[in-house]
Amino acid sequence: MQNHLGREATINLGSFYTPDFLVDEVYGLLEKWVGDLGTYVFG
């Protein structure tokens, strides 16, 4: 979770941060269906 910008600054700058719970959920699904994610390079 981002903490360096307040809510108003985040909105005004057009920043969007994916909630941690959603990242964890998607990662879990990828591990289940894709397998070893360590072999992939994300960037």
Protein backbone atom coordinates (compact mmCIF):
# COMPACT_ATOMS: atom_id res chain seq x y z
CA MET A 1 0.00 0.00 0.00
CA GLN A 2 1.30 3.45 -0.84
CA ASN A 3 1.86 5.83 2.03
CA HIS A 4 3.94 8.59 0.48
CA LEU A 5 0.98 10.49 -1.02
CA GLY A 6 -2.22 11.60 0.63
CA ARG A 7 -5.57 10.66 -0.88
CA GLU A 8 -6.04 14.05 -2.56
CA ALA A 9 -2.54 14.07 -4.09
CA THR A 10 -3.02 10.51 -5.33
CA ILE A 11 -6.25 11.49 -7.08
CA ASN A 12 -4.84 14.73 -8.49
CA LEU A 13 -1.75 13.00 -9.88
CA GLY A 14 -3.79 10.23 -11.47
CA SER A 15 -1.99 7.56 -9.47
CA PHE A 16 -3.62 4.21 -8.93
CA TYR A 17 -2.37 1.43 -6.67
CA THR A 18 -3.79 -2.05 -6.92
CA PRO A 19 -4.95 -3.18 -3.48
CA ASP A 20 -2.70 -5.77 -1.84
CA PHE A 21 -5.53 -8.29 -1.43
CA LEU A 22 -6.20 -8.23 -5.17
CA VAL A 23 -2.52 -8.68 -6.06
CA ASP A 24 -2.33 -11.65 -3.68
CA GLU A 25 -5.47 -13.21 -5.16
CA VAL A 26 -4.28 -12.91 -8.76
CA TYR A 27 -0.82 -14.21 -7.84
CA GLY A 28 -2.42 -17.22 -6.13
CA LEU A 29 -4.48 -17.97 -9.24
CA LEU A 30 -1.42 -17.69 -11.47
CA GLU A 31 0.50 -20.09 -9.25
CA LYS A 32 -2.40 -22.54 -9.35
CA TRP A 33 -2.93 -22.49 -13.12
CA VAL A 34 0.52 -21.59 -14.49
CA GLY A 35 2.77 -23.30 -11.98
CA ASP A 36 6.28 -22.18 -11.15
CA LEU A 37 6.23 -18.40 -11.59
CA GLY A 38 9.94 -18.21 -10.82
CA THR A 39 10.67 -19.17 -14.43
CA TYR A 40 8.96 -16.05 -15.76
CA VAL A 41 10.37 -12.55 -15.86
CA PHE A 42 7.91 -9.81 -14.98
CA GLY A 43 8.89 -6.26 -15.70
